[in-house]
Protein backbone atom coordinates (compact mmCIF):
# COMPACT_ATOMS: atom_id res chain seq x y z
CA MET A 1 122.73 127.60 123.63
CA PHE A 2 126.47 127.75 122.48
CA GLN A 3 126.51 129.66 119.30
CA THR A 4 130.48 130.62 119.25
CA LEU A 5 132.93 127.98 120.03
CA PHE A 6 135.97 129.89 119.49
CA HIS A 7 137.46 132.11 116.89
CA ILE A 8 140.54 131.29 114.03
CA PRO A 9 142.63 134.22 114.95
CA HIS A 10 143.00 137.02 112.43
CA ALA A 11 146.81 136.69 112.31
CA ASP A 12 149.49 134.15 113.43
CA PRO A 13 151.59 135.47 116.91
CA TRP A 14 154.83 135.33 115.41
CA LEU A 15 155.35 136.95 111.88
CA GLY A 16 151.57 138.60 111.91
CA VAL A 17 150.62 137.04 108.73
CA PRO A 18 146.80 136.84 108.70
CA VAL A 19 145.08 133.40 108.49
CA PHE A 20 143.02 133.90 105.48
CA GLY A 21 142.75 136.53 103.01
CA LEU A 22 146.35 136.41 101.03
CA GLY A 23 147.48 134.94 103.84
CA TRP A 24 148.81 131.53 105.68
CA ALA A 25 145.28 128.89 105.05
CA LEU A 26 145.49 130.00 101.27
CA ALA A 27 148.89 129.11 101.01
CA VAL A 28 148.60 125.80 102.61
CA TRP A 29 145.67 125.12 100.10
CA GLY A 30 148.01 126.45 97.53
CA VAL A 31 150.43 123.76 98.44
CA ILE A 32 147.70 120.83 99.25
CA CYS A 33 146.58 121.25 95.58
CA ALA A 34 149.69 121.32 93.94
CA ILE A 35 150.11 117.95 95.63
CA TRP A 36 146.49 116.80 94.64
CA ILE A 37 147.76 117.74 91.46
CA ALA A 38 150.76 116.02 91.18
CA LEU A 39 149.20 112.71 92.62
CA LEU A 40 146.26 112.47 89.67
CA ALA A 41 149.14 113.29 87.17
CA ARG A 42 150.09 109.53 88.16
CA LYS A 43 147.47 107.89 87.64
CA PRO A 44 145.82 106.28 84.41
CA ALA A 45 142.05 108.12 84.73
CA GLY A 46 144.05 110.92 86.01
CA LYS A 47 142.74 114.00 84.22
CA GLN A 48 139.24 112.66 84.08
CA GLU A 49 139.15 113.36 88.51
CA LEU A 50 141.24 116.29 87.82
CA TRP A 51 138.58 117.94 86.31
CA GLN A 52 135.60 116.47 88.88
CA SER A 53 138.01 118.16 91.67
CA LEU A 54 138.92 120.89 89.40
CA PRO A 55 135.58 123.17 90.92
CA LEU A 56 136.08 122.11 95.00
CA MET A 57 139.97 123.20 94.75
CA ILE A 58 138.57 126.71 93.30
CA ILE A 59 135.81 126.81 95.87
CA VAL A 60 137.62 126.18 98.88
CA ALA A 61 140.13 128.47 97.69
CA ILE A 62 137.43 131.49 97.31
CA ALA A 63 136.32 130.93 100.19
CA LEU A 64 139.64 131.06 101.75
CA ALA A 65 140.63 134.36 99.92
CA VAL A 66 137.64 135.98 99.70
CA ILE A 67 134.45 135.16 102.17
CA LEU A 68 136.31 134.41 104.89
CA PRO A 69 137.53 137.58 105.69
CA GLN A 70 134.58 139.11 105.40
CA ILE A 71 133.02 137.14 108.67
CA GLU A 72 135.56 138.09 110.79
CA GLU A 73 134.62 138.95 113.72
CA VAL A 74 136.28 142.64 114.94
CA HIS A 75 135.28 144.21 118.89
CA ASN A 76 136.28 148.29 119.50
CA GLY A 77 138.07 148.07 116.22
CA VAL A 78 140.56 144.68 116.27
CA PRO A 79 139.68 141.95 114.68
CA LEU A 80 139.11 138.42 116.76
CA GLY A 81 139.37 136.02 113.80
CA VAL A 82 136.83 133.98 111.79
CA PRO A 83 133.95 132.89 114.90
CA ILE A 84 133.58 129.19 114.27
CA ARG A 85 129.46 128.83 115.57
CA GLY A 86 128.64 125.62 116.84
CA TYR A 87 125.68 125.47 114.06
CA GLY A 88 128.44 125.44 111.57
CA THR A 89 130.36 123.09 113.39
CA MET A 90 127.28 120.02 113.62
CA LEU A 91 126.08 120.53 110.04
CA LEU A 92 130.20 119.80 109.36
CA ILE A 93 130.29 116.64 111.87
CA ALA A 94 125.91 116.14 110.32
CA ILE A 95 127.75 115.60 106.88
CA ILE A 96 130.53 113.60 107.68
CA THR A 97 128.53 111.17 109.70
CA GLY A 98 125.73 111.21 107.01
CA VAL A 99 128.29 110.21 103.91
CA GLY A 100 129.98 107.69 105.80
CA LEU A 101 126.79 105.69 106.52
CA ALA A 102 126.37 106.16 103.03
CA GLY A 103 129.41 105.21 101.49
CA TYR A 104 129.54 101.83 103.88
CA ARG A 105 126.41 100.93 102.86
CA ALA A 106 127.55 101.11 99.35
CA GLN A 107 130.38 98.66 99.40
CA ARG A 108 127.81 96.48 101.36
CA MET A 109 125.60 96.75 98.26
CA GLY A 110 128.81 96.01 95.59
CA LEU A 111 128.81 100.02 94.65
CA ASP A 112 132.02 101.67 95.14
CA PRO A 113 131.76 103.94 97.49
CA GLU A 114 133.70 106.95 95.50
CA ILE A 115 130.38 107.13 93.24
CA ILE A 116 128.71 108.07 96.75
CA PHE A 117 131.51 110.65 97.86
CA SER A 118 131.53 112.25 94.87
CA LEU A 119 127.44 112.47 94.36
CA ALA A 120 127.73 113.76 98.11
CA PHE A 121 129.81 116.64 97.38
CA ALA A 122 126.94 117.58 94.85
CA MET A 123 124.27 117.12 97.13
CA CYS A 124 125.73 118.97 100.51
CA LEU A 125 126.32 121.88 97.67
CA THR A 126 123.05 121.71 96.23
CA GLY A 127 121.71 121.20 99.64
CA VAL A 128 123.40 124.37 101.18
CA ILE A 129 122.00 126.38 98.55
CA GLY A 130 118.76 125.10 98.51
CA ALA A 131 118.09 125.74 101.87
CA ARG A 132 119.84 129.16 102.23
CA ALA A 133 117.59 130.19 99.12
CA PHE A 134 114.57 128.74 100.58
CA TYR A 135 115.37 131.13 104.02
CA VAL A 136 116.12 133.69 101.97
CA ILE A 137 113.11 134.10 99.81
CA GLN A 138 110.61 133.21 103.01
CA LYS A 139 112.46 136.03 104.79
CA TRP A 140 113.41 138.22 102.43
CA ASP A 141 112.72 141.45 103.93
CA GLU A 142 115.42 140.36 107.05
CA PHE A 143 117.97 140.31 103.86
CA ALA A 144 116.88 143.43 101.87
CA GLU A 145 119.89 146.39 102.24
CA PRO A 146 119.70 148.78 99.97
CA ASP A 147 123.77 148.79 99.73
CA ILE A 148 123.64 145.23 97.39
CA SER A 149 126.99 143.84 98.35
CA ASN A 150 125.36 144.32 102.66
CA THR A 151 122.64 141.94 101.03
CA VAL A 152 125.20 139.63 99.36
CA PHE A 153 127.16 139.12 102.83
CA LYS A 154 123.74 138.64 104.78
CA ILE A 155 123.02 135.72 102.48
CA LEU A 156 126.13 134.15 102.59
CA ASN A 157 126.26 133.81 105.99
CA PHE A 158 124.62 131.25 106.91
CA THR A 159 127.38 130.02 109.79
CA GLN A 160 124.70 131.49 112.65
CA GLY A 161 121.63 129.17 110.85
CA GLY A 162 119.02 130.02 108.49
CA LEU A 163 118.89 126.85 106.58
CA VAL A 164 115.64 125.16 106.14
CA VAL A 165 115.33 121.60 105.67
CA PHE A 166 112.82 121.60 102.88
CA GLY A 167 114.96 123.68 100.57
CA SER A 168 117.81 121.06 101.27
CA ALA A 169 115.89 118.26 100.37
CA ILE A 170 115.31 119.97 97.30
CA GLY A 171 118.27 120.95 96.28
CA ALA A 172 120.08 117.61 97.23
CA LEU A 173 117.41 115.60 94.99
CA ALA A 174 117.85 117.32 92.67
CA ALA A 175 121.76 117.02 92.40
CA LEU A 176 121.15 113.45 92.65
CA VAL A 177 118.98 113.24 89.45
CA VAL A 178 121.27 114.80 87.74
CA PHE A 179 124.14 112.97 89.09
CA CYS A 180 122.44 109.64 88.99
CA ARG A 181 121.51 110.63 84.83
CA MET A 182 124.72 111.86 84.25
CA ARG A 183 126.45 108.80 85.21
CA LYS A 184 123.60 106.68 84.41
CA LEU A 185 122.81 104.84 87.76
CA PRO A 186 119.61 103.91 88.78
CA ILE A 187 118.10 107.29 90.22
CA LEU A 188 115.69 105.68 92.37
CA ALA A 189 117.66 102.45 93.75
CA ILE A 190 120.65 105.60 94.63
CA ALA A 191 118.04 107.68 96.43
CA ASP A 192 116.70 104.34 99.04
CA LEU A 193 120.74 104.06 99.87
CA VAL A 194 121.16 108.02 101.13
CA ALA A 195 117.96 108.74 102.37
CA PRO A 196 118.42 107.51 106.12
CA SER A 197 121.53 109.59 105.82
CA MET A 198 119.64 112.01 105.12
CA MET A 199 117.45 111.99 108.18
CA ILE A 200 120.82 111.15 110.30
CA GLY A 201 122.26 114.38 109.06
CA LEU A 202 119.09 116.11 110.24
CA ALA A 203 119.33 114.68 113.89
CA ILE A 204 122.60 116.18 114.14
CA GLY A 205 121.73 119.37 112.33
CA ARG A 206 119.47 120.07 114.77
CA ILE A 207 121.82 119.73 117.61
CA GLY A 208 123.77 122.92 115.70
CA CYS A 209 119.75 124.47 115.99
CA LEU A 210 119.71 124.24 119.69
CA MET A 211 123.46 125.55 119.85
CA ASN A 212 122.23 128.38 117.94
CA GLY A 213 118.73 129.01 119.32
CA CYS A 214 116.85 129.11 116.10
CA CYS A 215 113.83 126.98 115.05
CA TYR A 216 112.65 127.74 118.32
CA GLY A 217 108.95 126.55 120.10
CA GLY A 218 106.32 128.09 121.57
CA TYR A 219 105.56 129.23 125.71
CA CYS A 220 106.29 125.63 127.70
CA GLU A 221 104.06 125.07 131.01
CA VAL A 222 105.66 121.87 131.83
CA PRO A 223 109.06 122.79 134.11
CA GLN A 224 111.05 118.79 132.89
CA LEU A 225 110.75 120.05 129.48
CA ALA A 226 110.74 123.26 128.75
CA LEU A 227 114.45 125.75 128.32
CA THR A 228 115.03 129.29 128.27
CA PHE A 229 117.07 131.39 126.36
CA PRO A 230 119.21 134.22 126.79
CA PRO A 231 119.48 138.27 125.62
CA GLU A 232 121.61 137.23 122.32
CA ALA A 233 118.85 134.31 121.24
CA PRO A 234 116.53 134.82 118.61
CA VAL A 235 113.54 133.75 120.84
CA TYR A 236 114.25 136.35 123.23
CA ILE A 237 114.37 138.87 120.57
CA ASP A 238 111.14 137.32 119.42
CA GLN A 239 109.52 137.54 122.65
CA LEU A 240 110.72 140.48 123.51
CA VAL A 241 109.51 142.58 120.28
CA HIS A 242 106.02 140.78 120.51
CA GLY A 243 105.47 141.31 124.07
CA GLU A 244 106.16 138.08 125.65
CA LEU A 245 108.42 139.01 128.28
CA PHE A 246 106.00 141.41 129.08
CA GLY A 247 103.27 139.08 130.00
CA ALA A 248 100.96 138.82 126.58
CA ARG A 249 102.44 137.74 122.87
CA LEU A 250 101.27 140.38 120.71
CA VAL A 251 100.78 139.88 116.84
CA VAL A 252 99.84 141.41 113.57
CA LYS A 253 96.26 140.68 112.12
CA PRO A 254 94.62 141.92 108.98
CA GLY A 255 92.05 144.56 109.60
CA ASP A 256 88.44 144.48 109.82
CA ALA A 257 85.08 146.52 110.77
CA GLN A 258 86.08 146.67 114.08
CA THR A 259 89.24 148.83 114.20
CA LYS A 260 89.73 152.23 114.00
CA SER A 261 92.25 151.51 111.23
CA GLY A 262 90.05 150.22 108.57
CA ASP A 263 91.41 148.11 106.64
CA LYS A 264 95.15 148.57 107.53
CA SER A 265 96.77 145.42 109.98
CA HIS A 266 96.31 146.26 113.65
CA ILE A 267 97.88 144.12 116.55
CA GLU A 268 96.17 141.97 118.71
CA VAL A 269 96.69 140.05 121.80
CA ALA A 270 97.32 136.29 121.02
CA TRP A 271 98.32 134.90 124.10
CA VAL A 272 98.50 136.20 127.88
CA GLU A 273 100.64 134.38 130.44
CA PRO A 274 98.90 132.41 132.80
CA GLY A 275 98.90 133.88 136.43
CA SER A 276 100.89 137.10 135.25
CA ALA A 277 100.01 140.61 136.12
CA ALA A 278 98.97 141.18 132.55
CA GLU A 279 96.09 138.70 133.39
CA GLN A 280 95.27 140.24 136.43
CA THR A 281 93.91 143.35 134.30
CA GLY A 282 91.86 141.59 132.64
CA LEU A 283 93.44 141.55 129.31
CA THR A 284 91.87 138.51 126.98
CA VAL A 285 92.73 136.51 123.77
CA GLY A 286 91.94 138.90 120.77
CA THR A 287 92.04 141.84 122.67
CA VAL A 288 93.02 144.66 119.49
CA VAL A 289 95.22 147.22 120.99
CA GLN A 290 95.95 150.96 118.99
CA MET A 291 99.13 151.95 121.34
CA ILE A 292 101.62 150.37 123.64
CA ASN A 293 102.68 153.15 126.29
CA GLY A 294 101.61 156.05 124.22
CA TYR A 295 103.57 154.51 121.04
CA GLN A 296 101.29 154.01 117.96
CA VAL A 297 100.71 150.36 116.60
CA GLU A 298 99.90 148.88 112.90
CA ASN A 299 101.84 146.78 112.08
CA LEU A 300 105.36 144.63 112.88
CA GLN A 301 107.86 147.26 112.26
CA ASP A 302 105.82 149.13 114.80
CA LEU A 303 105.47 146.67 117.11
CA ALA A 304 109.79 145.69 116.51
CA LEU A 305 110.24 149.57 117.57
CA VAL A 306 108.77 149.70 120.79
CA GLY A 307 110.32 146.51 121.55
CA THR A 308 113.61 147.75 121.58
CA GLU A 309 112.41 150.98 122.67
CA LEU A 310 110.74 149.66 126.05
CA PRO A 311 113.59 148.36 127.16
CA ARG A 312 115.91 151.56 127.26
CA HIS A 313 112.86 153.00 128.70
CA PHE A 314 112.74 150.78 131.98
CA ALA A 315 116.47 151.25 132.08
CA GLU A 316 116.24 154.77 132.56
CA ASN A 317 113.11 154.57 134.97
CA GLN A 318 114.88 152.42 137.04
CA ARG A 319 117.62 154.62 137.18
CA LYS A 320 115.88 157.67 138.66
CA GLY A 321 114.12 155.30 140.75
CA ARG A 322 110.68 155.31 138.96
CA GLU A 323 108.06 152.64 138.52
CA THR A 324 108.45 150.64 135.11
CA HIS A 325 105.09 149.80 133.52
CA ILE A 326 103.37 148.74 130.36
CA THR A 327 99.94 150.29 129.53
CA LEU A 328 97.82 148.62 126.63
CA THR A 329 94.81 150.52 124.98
CA THR A 330 92.32 149.81 122.98
CA PRO A 331 90.66 151.71 120.21
CA GLU A 332 88.10 152.30 122.30
CA LEU A 333 90.71 154.16 124.94
CA LYS A 334 90.16 151.05 127.24
CA SER A 335 94.07 150.91 128.74
CA PHE A 336 94.97 147.78 130.88
CA THR A 337 98.22 148.68 133.16
CA TRP A 338 100.26 146.74 135.27
CA GLU A 339 103.60 147.43 136.17
CA LEU A 340 106.78 145.30 136.06
CA SER A 341 109.80 145.17 138.59
CA SER A 342 112.59 144.67 135.49
CA ILE A 343 113.27 142.71 132.34
CA PRO A 344 113.83 138.75 132.34
CA PRO A 345 117.40 138.54 131.70
CA ARG A 346 116.08 134.98 130.05
CA SER A 347 113.52 134.02 127.42
CA LEU A 348 110.09 132.88 129.13
CA PRO A 349 110.11 128.85 129.28
CA VAL A 350 109.57 127.09 125.77
CA HIS A 351 109.22 123.98 124.12
CA PRO A 352 112.99 122.42 123.00
CA THR A 353 111.58 121.74 119.17
CA GLN A 354 115.47 121.38 118.60
CA ILE A 355 115.57 118.85 120.66
CA TYR A 356 111.98 117.05 119.95
CA SER A 357 113.18 117.79 116.09
CA ALA A 358 116.36 115.58 116.95
CA VAL A 359 114.69 113.36 118.37
CA ASP A 360 112.51 112.65 115.34
CA ALA A 361 115.16 112.82 112.79
CA LEU A 362 117.06 109.98 114.67
CA LEU A 363 113.92 107.91 114.95
CA LEU A 364 113.17 108.27 111.09
CA PHE A 365 116.73 107.69 110.32
CA LEU A 366 116.65 104.07 112.67
CA VAL A 367 113.32 103.15 110.62
CA LEU A 368 114.80 103.57 107.28
CA TRP A 369 118.13 102.49 107.51
CA PHE A 370 116.81 98.72 109.14
CA TYR A 371 113.94 98.84 106.31
CA TYR A 372 116.09 99.02 103.79
CA PRO A 373 117.33 95.68 103.49
CA PHE A 374 113.00 94.85 103.43
CA ARG A 375 112.22 97.25 100.20
CA ARG A 376 110.58 95.54 97.84
CA HIS A 377 110.97 98.32 95.07
CA ASP A 378 113.77 101.34 94.26
CA GLY A 379 112.03 104.10 95.46
CA GLU A 380 110.65 102.63 98.45
CA VAL A 381 113.06 104.06 100.79
CA VAL A 382 112.66 107.74 99.61
CA ALA A 383 109.19 107.58 99.13
CA LEU A 384 108.99 106.60 102.93
CA MET A 385 111.26 109.48 104.07
CA LEU A 386 109.18 111.67 102.39
CA GLY A 387 106.08 110.83 103.85
CA LEU A 388 106.53 110.24 107.31
CA HIS A 389 108.55 113.30 107.41
CA ALA A 390 106.49 115.20 106.12
CA ILE A 391 103.82 114.29 108.67
CA SER A 392 106.18 114.54 111.95
CA ARG A 393 107.33 118.36 110.40
CA PHE A 394 103.83 119.04 109.93
CA VAL A 395 103.28 118.33 113.56
CA LEU A 396 106.40 119.88 115.06
CA GLU A 397 105.20 123.37 113.12
CA MET A 398 102.34 123.64 115.08
CA ILE A 399 104.92 124.11 118.26
CA ARG A 400 107.36 125.94 116.94
CA THR A 401 106.40 129.57 116.64
CA ASP A 402 109.43 131.39 114.35
CA GLU A 403 107.30 130.79 111.48
CA GLY A 404 104.00 132.82 111.05
CA GLY A 405 101.23 131.60 108.18
CA ALA A 406 101.45 131.78 104.28
CA LEU A 407 100.09 132.69 101.38
CA GLY A 408 97.03 134.01 103.40
CA THR A 409 96.48 130.48 105.47
CA PRO A 410 97.02 129.37 109.01
CA LEU A 411 99.93 127.15 107.54
CA THR A 412 103.19 127.89 107.54
CA ILE A 413 105.49 127.97 104.20
CA SER A 414 106.95 124.52 105.98
CA GLN A 415 103.40 123.00 106.24
CA LEU A 416 102.35 123.69 103.08
CA VAL A 417 105.88 122.69 101.50
CA GLY A 418 104.83 119.29 103.89
CA VAL A 419 101.72 118.67 102.34
CA LEU A 420 103.10 118.69 99.03
CA PHE A 421 105.91 116.00 99.92
CA LEU A 422 103.55 114.03 101.21
CA VAL A 423 101.77 114.22 98.27
CA ALA A 424 104.79 113.19 95.69
CA ALA A 425 105.34 110.20 98.43
CA LEU A 426 102.09 108.95 98.33
CA GLY A 427 102.18 109.00 94.09
CA LEU A 428 105.64 107.33 93.90
CA PHE A 429 104.03 105.22 96.04
CA ALA A 430 101.60 104.36 93.56
CA TYR A 431 104.08 104.54 90.53
CA ILE A 432 106.40 102.21 92.10
CA GLU A 433 103.68 99.44 92.81
CA ARG A 434 102.95 99.26 89.42
CA GLY A 435 106.33 97.76 88.49
CA PRO A 436 108.16 95.03 89.62
CA ARG A 437 109.04 93.25 92.66
CA ARG A 438 113.59 94.41 92.11
CA SER A 439 116.19 96.46 92.92
CA ALA A 440 118.58 97.33 91.22
CA LEU A 441 121.36 96.63 94.19
CA PRO A 442 121.43 93.63 95.92
CA LEU A 443 118.46 93.01 98.04
CA THR A 444 121.12 91.71 100.69
CA PRO A 445 124.18 92.99 102.15
CA ALA A 446 127.56 91.53 100.37
CA ALA A 447 129.30 89.14 102.92
């Protein structure tokens, strides 16, 4: 895990002028834009290219002047500067690699690479928007703040993670359709050309997930495969809140007749660490929990409150030389108590699902890249991508624990969307098989 690579300083060390906001970066970008405009003005089609480039110029200027100053980190009142995150860096590398490969293949197919570069800008922009929107909608409770400005800031601050692949695919493919219609390009042929790039981009992006600690897996009993994460990692916090660091995972379940809460939600044991002190007390999966160390718990908010209170309670007991313990009490007032020497300094070993996902995406890239010359219809490659990725993602979601069931089902939102993607892939295969065997682009690369 490597969330922050380094910081871009708040100000230069010589004149003390801020780098972002109304500072050096905006001034340099203004000079670059002026030179860019001057060069375009000398070209016959420069006016059209200028209008195409203008949105990029404006977006970058807004980012430098407004957005980046808002994400500067401050320590003890002293601004450290803008953090360069491992996740964001890998995302940038993923985009450059994917666009470069698509441009290379486009040139080999006799297509102007400039078309791909223009398309890539649109797909990247809408892809990031779609990926973030999907994540925000899925986890809206984590973003909703009384102050609208704080809500907007949390939504825009995606450099530490919080992008969903399926949302990215939806946004990027929508941009591709609109772009091709505007340019009168064959939609399915272009989609086939860029499909492998989407997968290599995903493979590199998943390394960013590993550096950030997100998209984590469940408990792993195979030491050769397992990874552990430090306290600042999302998986550590999740394990702390749900009790896994104490030996048992507690989850929220709908109420039933067996609980005193009636039709309210309740807390239930979903997993007990093998060989742990918790297991030795006789605690089993399915046990309903009403109190933890005297704290009443019924929902995720209660669980989160206890999860943050217990470490402070333990630290105080240890400072005073007292024993620390965990006591789970059922609605029938049956208790399970075990002693803890300390809270683990790292998370429990979990499956490195980020690496699994990266390898999966890399293999899909190789399949799509080498299958491309053998396609018989336009649309085959993108349909293959949608179908295979939907299946592999469905399986990987079984190992991940960062998402719960959605829409009243045991399936995660990504699994549900994956099913829709698989249906769409099968429908696309059925549609293209009805047409003649041909492609709008050459079936073999140019010499």
